[in-house]
Protein backbone atom coordinates (compact mmCIF):
# COMPACT_ATOMS: atom_id res chain seq x y z
CA MET A 1 -27.12 -34.33 4.37
CA GLU A 2 -27.05 -31.93 1.53
CA VAL A 3 -23.80 -30.81 0.32
CA GLN A 4 -23.34 -27.15 -0.39
CA LEU A 5 -21.72 -26.11 -3.68
CA PRO A 6 -19.01 -23.42 -3.53
CA THR A 7 -20.21 -19.86 -4.06
CA LEU A 8 -18.65 -17.39 -6.69
CA VAL A 9 -21.40 -14.86 -6.17
CA TYR A 10 -23.31 -13.83 -2.90
CA ASP A 11 -25.25 -10.89 -1.82
CA ILE A 12 -25.21 -8.94 1.32
CA ARG A 13 -27.47 -5.93 1.72
CA ASN A 14 -27.61 -4.05 -1.58
CA SER A 15 -23.99 -5.21 -2.62
CA ARG A 16 -23.19 -8.15 -4.86
CA TYR A 17 -19.84 -9.86 -3.72
CA LEU A 18 -17.51 -11.92 -6.01
CA ASN A 19 -15.57 -14.81 -4.63
CA ILE A 20 -12.66 -15.32 -6.85
CA THR A 21 -9.84 -17.07 -5.00
CA GLY A 22 -9.24 -19.19 -1.97
CA ARG A 23 -5.61 -18.47 -1.86
CA CYS A 24 -4.42 -15.64 0.43
CA THR A 25 -1.00 -14.01 1.42
CA LEU A 26 -1.90 -14.04 4.97
CA ARG A 27 -3.01 -16.67 7.34
CA CYS A 28 -4.73 -14.36 9.92
CA GLN A 29 -5.46 -16.04 13.38
CA PHE A 30 -8.92 -14.32 13.62
CA CYS A 31 -9.99 -15.21 9.97
CA PRO A 32 -12.99 -17.83 10.38
CA LYS A 33 -11.44 -20.19 7.68
CA HIS A 34 -8.74 -21.03 9.92
CA ASN A 35 -11.00 -21.69 12.68
CA GLY A 36 -13.16 -24.42 11.08
CA SER A 37 -15.53 -22.11 9.10
CA LYS A 38 -15.67 -21.10 5.35
CA GLN A 39 -19.15 -19.40 5.31
CA VAL A 40 -20.30 -15.81 5.36
CA HIS A 41 -23.96 -15.76 6.30
CA GLU A 42 -25.36 -18.92 4.47
CA TYR A 43 -22.86 -18.76 1.77
CA GLN A 44 -20.24 -21.33 1.50
CA LEU A 45 -16.96 -19.54 0.31
CA ASP A 46 -14.40 -22.45 0.12
CA LEU A 47 -12.98 -22.72 -3.43
CA GLU A 48 -10.94 -25.80 -4.63
CA ARG A 49 -9.66 -23.63 -7.98
CA GLN A 50 -9.62 -20.20 -9.44
CA PRO A 51 -12.65 -19.43 -11.30
CA LYS A 52 -12.35 -17.85 -14.75
CA ALA A 53 -13.68 -14.46 -15.64
CA ASP A 54 -16.57 -15.81 -17.63
CA GLU A 55 -17.91 -17.90 -14.93
CA LEU A 56 -18.35 -14.67 -12.75
CA ILE A 57 -19.59 -12.54 -15.65
CA ALA A 58 -22.25 -14.86 -16.28
CA GLN A 59 -23.48 -14.34 -12.80
CA LEU A 60 -23.12 -10.69 -12.54
CA GLY A 61 -26.88 -9.83 -12.81
CA ASP A 62 -28.34 -6.24 -13.53
CA VAL A 63 -25.76 -3.76 -12.43
CA SER A 64 -28.55 -1.28 -11.67
CA LEU A 65 -29.85 -3.39 -8.77
CA PHE A 66 -26.74 -3.22 -6.72
CA ASP A 67 -25.00 -0.36 -4.94
CA GLU A 68 -21.71 -1.76 -5.91
CA TYR A 69 -19.77 -5.20 -6.77
CA VAL A 70 -17.24 -6.14 -4.13
CA PHE A 71 -14.40 -8.68 -4.88
CA CYS A 72 -14.02 -10.27 -1.29
CA GLY A 73 -14.36 -13.92 -0.39
CA TYR A 74 -11.94 -15.99 1.94
CA GLY A 75 -8.99 -15.24 -0.09
CA GLU A 76 -7.06 -12.35 -1.27
CA PRO A 77 -8.75 -11.13 -4.92
CA THR A 78 -5.49 -9.58 -5.99
CA LEU A 79 -3.90 -13.05 -6.35
CA ASN A 80 -6.36 -13.98 -9.20
CA LEU A 81 -5.44 -10.59 -10.88
CA THR A 82 -6.36 -11.26 -14.59
CA THR A 83 -10.00 -12.70 -13.40
CA LEU A 84 -10.47 -9.45 -11.34
CA LEU A 85 -9.42 -7.07 -13.88
CA SER A 86 -11.59 -8.70 -16.55
CA VAL A 87 -14.65 -9.00 -14.58
CA ALA A 88 -14.10 -5.42 -13.07
CA THR A 89 -13.92 -4.16 -16.53
CA GLU A 90 -17.09 -5.81 -17.57
CA ILE A 91 -18.91 -4.27 -14.51
CA LYS A 92 -17.75 -0.94 -15.28
CA ARG A 93 -18.70 -1.17 -19.08
CA ARG A 94 -22.32 -1.82 -17.61
CA GLY A 95 -22.20 0.97 -15.46
CA GLY A 96 -21.71 -0.63 -12.28
CA LYS A 97 -19.49 0.32 -9.34
CA VAL A 98 -16.51 -1.87 -8.14
CA ARG A 99 -14.76 -2.06 -4.59
CA VAL A 100 -11.67 -4.57 -3.96
CA ASN A 101 -11.28 -5.66 -0.50
CA THR A 102 -7.57 -6.43 -0.27
CA ASP A 103 -4.73 -7.13 2.31
CA GLY A 104 -2.52 -4.49 0.37
CA LEU A 105 -0.19 -7.11 -0.54
CA GLY A 106 -0.69 -7.28 -4.36
CA ASN A 107 2.36 -5.18 -5.30
CA LEU A 108 4.57 -7.37 -3.06
CA PHE A 109 3.02 -10.37 -4.28
CA HIS A 110 3.12 -9.66 -7.96
CA ARG A 111 6.49 -7.62 -7.70
CA ARG A 112 5.33 -4.59 -9.35
CA ASN A 113 2.76 -1.64 -8.98
CA ILE A 114 -0.68 -3.04 -9.96
CA LEU A 115 -2.56 0.11 -8.64
CA PRO A 116 -2.41 1.67 -12.40
CA GLU A 117 -4.22 -1.53 -13.70
CA LEU A 118 -6.68 -1.30 -10.58
CA ALA A 119 -7.36 2.31 -11.14
CA LEU A 120 -8.82 1.61 -14.86
CA CYS A 121 -11.78 -0.39 -13.49
CA VAL A 122 -12.06 0.00 -9.39
CA ASP A 123 -13.66 2.85 -7.63
CA SER A 124 -12.77 2.06 -4.08
CA LEU A 125 -10.55 -0.04 -2.17
CA SER A 126 -10.59 -1.63 1.39
CA ILE A 127 -7.40 -2.33 2.79
CA SER A 128 -7.05 -4.31 5.84
CA LEU A 129 -3.97 -3.19 8.17
CA ASN A 130 -4.96 -4.73 11.48
CA ALA A 131 -1.85 -3.88 13.41
CA ASP A 132 0.20 -0.69 14.49
CA THR A 133 3.27 -2.65 14.70
CA GLU A 134 5.25 -5.18 12.46
CA GLU A 135 5.44 -7.56 15.82
CA GLY A 136 1.56 -7.18 16.26
CA TYR A 137 1.05 -7.81 12.33
CA ILE A 138 3.32 -10.95 12.21
CA LYS A 139 1.36 -12.12 15.36
CA HIS A 140 -2.01 -11.70 14.45
CA CYS A 141 -1.94 -11.62 10.48
CA ARG A 142 0.75 -14.27 9.98
CA PRO A 143 2.09 -13.01 6.41
CA LYS A 144 3.53 -15.73 4.24
CA LEU A 145 5.67 -13.19 2.41
CA ALA A 146 8.85 -11.50 4.01
CA GLY A 147 8.57 -7.80 4.18
CA SER A 148 4.52 -7.84 4.28
CA TYR A 149 4.06 -5.17 7.09
CA ALA A 150 6.27 -2.58 5.08
CA ALA A 151 4.69 -3.62 1.93
CA VAL A 152 1.01 -2.75 3.21
CA LEU A 153 2.20 0.48 4.40
CA ASP A 154 3.62 1.45 1.18
CA PHE A 155 0.26 0.06 -0.48
CA ILE A 156 -1.84 2.36 1.62
CA ALA A 157 0.39 5.40 1.08
CA LEU A 158 0.48 4.84 -2.52
CA ALA A 159 -3.24 3.81 -3.25
CA PRO A 160 -4.74 7.37 -2.86
CA LYS A 161 -2.68 8.41 -5.69
CA PHE A 162 -4.71 6.15 -7.97
CA ILE A 163 -7.78 5.16 -6.39
CA LYS A 164 -10.36 7.88 -5.49
CA LEU A 165 -11.80 6.13 -2.06
CA VAL A 166 -9.40 4.25 -0.22
CA GLN A 167 -10.72 2.79 3.20
CA VAL A 168 -8.27 1.04 5.40
CA SER A 169 -9.74 -0.93 8.43
CA ALA A 170 -8.20 -2.47 11.62
CA ILE A 171 -9.95 -4.60 14.08
CA ASN A 172 -10.74 -3.38 17.59
CA GLY A 173 -10.17 -6.24 20.08
CA LEU A 174 -6.99 -7.72 18.93
CA ASP A 175 -4.63 -8.32 21.77
CA GLY A 176 -1.83 -5.70 22.02
CA ILE A 177 -3.25 -3.68 19.16
CA ASP A 178 -3.51 0.02 19.50
CA ILE A 179 -6.71 0.85 17.49
CA ASP A 180 -5.66 4.90 17.64
CA ALA A 181 -2.56 4.37 16.52
CA CYS A 182 -3.55 2.39 13.63
CA ARG A 183 -6.06 5.33 12.86
CA GLN A 184 -3.00 7.69 12.90
CA ILE A 185 -0.85 5.57 10.36
CA VAL A 186 -3.80 5.40 7.96
CA GLU A 187 -4.75 9.03 7.91
CA SER A 188 -1.23 10.25 7.96
CA ARG A 189 -0.98 8.24 4.49
CA GLY A 190 -4.19 10.09 3.04
CA ALA A 191 -6.58 7.38 3.47
CA GLN A 192 -9.87 6.98 5.50
CA PHE A 193 -9.79 4.66 8.54
CA LYS A 194 -12.61 2.35 9.32
CA ARG A 195 -12.74 0.50 12.95
CA ARG A 196 -14.08 -2.88 12.55
CA GLU A 197 -14.95 -5.39 15.57
CA LEU A 198 -13.52 -8.83 16.35
CA ASP A 199 -15.57 -11.63 15.27
CA ILE A 200 -18.06 -9.58 13.13
CA VAL A 201 -17.80 -10.92 9.53
CA GLY A 202 -20.03 -9.68 6.70
């Protein structure tokens, strides 16, 4: 049986995705990696180490061929912030667009506001909320850091002040989660809401 090598860069539709860490600040019970799978489409995304910027820059390709570059794997991209900022800066230098998919806990983890740094090289953010109450968030997202729900709400409110396009998602189908309440939370903080469906990845 052929062994699959970890994937740092993978393509879905017209976007190139950058898988820069396997570490995460959440242990979401609905995440496939906690249910025996670390693949998206045909790509194996399990990482045993944090890749360096030059490894990813070597695989960026021609930026004109992609609608955007998306920092998104089975880890939280802001946990490998130095690599994220270096690679995103290079993509912008070449004329590409950058999106970061995040759980919104980067400020809590780094104990500072990282949005000014992201604003220099990131065009858009996709933030996962997934709960309209702290109780629901703890149940489904299983955060590792205390105060995570308040932190993600603060991040959602702060992000539009720095990043032009901020989209916040919640998954329809999670037990006990009010999807309309999630929408109200997001829109009241000046961000766009995106409804996702349970068990649809990528």
